[in-house]
Amino acid sequence: MITIQAIALEDAAPGMILADALQDETGQMLLPKGSELTESVLRSLGRRGIETLSILIPEAVDESALIARREAARQRLQHLFRQAVDPTSQGLLRVMLEYREEHPQ
């Protein structure tokens, strides 16, 4: 789960992600939702008088839960491909397993 938190500009750090589009006092969009903050962006926002930002705070990763999700995904894919013996299907299985390893749900 990801939470949204309003923070002061001086507490913002490079790498943080905006939870909402950022607009100046006239309503002009400065940055779209999902933008990653950089040092230069933070300096620019300070010059424009921006005082607070809404940022996304990712949930802390529970390593044991992550391992369990990866294993469950691996078992599910192997079950789905249990009768696939041709090289193309085996290649697809391999790619899907690699993807699930990198992107667990």
Protein backbone atom coordinates (compact mmCIF):
# COMPACT_ATOMS: atom_id res chain seq x y z
CA MET A 1 0.00 0.00 0.00
CA ILE A 2 1.15 3.52 -0.77
CA THR A 3 0.18 6.49 1.34
CA ILE A 4 0.11 10.18 0.48
CA GLN A 5 1.74 12.69 2.78
CA ALA A 6 1.94 16.48 2.63
CA ILE A 7 5.45 17.66 3.47
CA ALA A 8 7.23 21.00 3.61
CA LEU A 9 9.40 21.76 0.59
CA GLU A 10 12.50 21.89 2.79
CA ASP A 11 11.79 18.27 3.87
CA ALA A 12 11.52 17.04 0.28
CA ALA A 13 14.41 15.06 -1.18
CA PRO A 14 15.46 14.02 -4.68
CA GLY A 15 13.82 10.78 -5.72
CA MET A 16 10.50 11.45 -4.02
CA ILE A 17 7.39 11.10 -6.23
CA LEU A 18 4.58 13.66 -6.40
CA ALA A 19 1.19 12.26 -5.40
CA ASP A 20 -0.75 15.06 -7.12
CA ALA A 21 -0.14 17.51 -9.93
CA LEU A 22 1.63 20.60 -8.62
CA GLN A 23 0.22 24.00 -9.55
CA ASP A 24 1.36 27.52 -8.76
CA GLU A 25 -0.88 30.21 -7.22
CA THR A 26 -2.32 31.09 -10.67
CA GLY A 27 -3.31 27.47 -11.37
CA GLN A 28 -0.56 26.86 -13.91
CA MET A 29 0.66 23.27 -13.77
CA LEU A 30 4.29 23.09 -12.72
CA LEU A 31 4.68 19.30 -12.51
CA PRO A 32 2.30 16.44 -13.32
CA LYS A 33 1.25 13.77 -10.86
CA GLY A 34 3.91 11.05 -10.61
CA SER A 35 6.88 13.33 -11.30
CA GLU A 36 10.14 12.41 -9.60
CA LEU A 37 11.74 15.26 -7.69
CA THR A 38 15.32 16.26 -8.50
CA GLU A 39 17.68 18.81 -6.94
CA SER A 40 17.03 21.30 -9.75
CA VAL A 41 13.25 20.84 -9.51
CA LEU A 42 13.35 21.42 -5.76
CA ARG A 43 15.37 24.63 -6.22
CA SER A 44 12.95 25.83 -8.90
CA LEU A 45 9.95 25.13 -6.68
CA GLY A 46 11.55 27.15 -3.89
CA ARG A 47 12.07 30.10 -6.24
CA ARG A 48 8.39 29.87 -7.26
CA GLY A 49 7.24 30.09 -3.65
CA ILE A 50 5.98 26.51 -3.33
CA GLU A 51 5.88 25.63 0.36
CA THR A 52 4.30 22.15 0.53
CA LEU A 53 4.17 19.06 -1.65
CA SER A 54 2.02 15.93 -1.63
CA ILE A 55 4.29 12.94 -2.06
CA LEU A 56 3.84 9.18 -2.28
CA ILE A 57 5.24 7.19 0.63
CA PRO A 58 5.79 3.56 -0.39
CA GLU A 59 5.04 0.78 2.04
CA ALA A 60 8.04 -0.83 3.67
CA VAL A 61 8.88 -4.11 1.95
CA ASP A 62 8.46 -7.24 4.05
CA GLU A 63 11.15 -9.53 2.62
CA SER A 64 9.50 -12.76 3.74
CA ALA A 65 6.16 -11.72 2.19
CA LEU A 66 7.97 -10.79 -1.02
CA ILE A 67 9.63 -14.21 -1.17
CA ALA A 68 6.27 -15.90 -0.56
CA ARG A 69 4.59 -13.89 -3.36
CA ARG A 70 7.40 -14.75 -5.77
CA GLU A 71 7.13 -18.44 -4.95
CA ALA A 72 3.34 -18.41 -5.32
CA ALA A 73 3.67 -16.72 -8.73
CA ARG A 74 6.31 -19.26 -9.80
CA GLN A 75 4.10 -22.19 -8.78
CA ARG A 76 1.05 -20.69 -10.51
CA LEU A 77 2.95 -20.17 -13.78
CA GLN A 78 4.40 -23.67 -13.68
CA HIS A 79 0.90 -25.05 -13.15
CA LEU A 80 -0.46 -23.05 -16.09
CA PHE A 81 2.36 -24.28 -18.33
CA ARG A 82 2.37 -27.86 -17.02
CA GLN A 83 1.46 -29.33 -20.43
CA ALA A 84 3.53 -26.94 -22.52
CA VAL A 85 6.51 -28.91 -23.74
CA ASP A 86 7.30 -27.14 -27.00
CA PRO A 87 10.33 -24.78 -27.03
CA THR A 88 8.23 -21.67 -27.72
CA SER A 89 5.98 -22.26 -24.71
CA GLN A 90 8.97 -23.08 -22.52
CA GLY A 91 10.63 -19.85 -23.65
CA LEU A 92 7.49 -17.90 -22.77
CA LEU A 93 7.38 -19.55 -19.36
CA ARG A 94 11.01 -18.62 -18.75
CA VAL A 95 10.37 -14.98 -19.69
CA MET A 96 7.26 -14.81 -17.51
CA LEU A 97 9.12 -16.31 -14.55
CA GLU A 98 11.89 -13.73 -14.96
CA TYR A 99 9.33 -10.94 -15.16
CA ARG A 100 7.50 -12.13 -12.03
CA GLU A 101 10.82 -12.31 -10.20
CA GLU A 102 11.43 -8.65 -11.00
CA HIS A 103 7.81 -7.47 -10.54
CA PRO A 104 6.08 -9.42 -7.76
CA GLN A 105 2.43 -8.55 -7.15
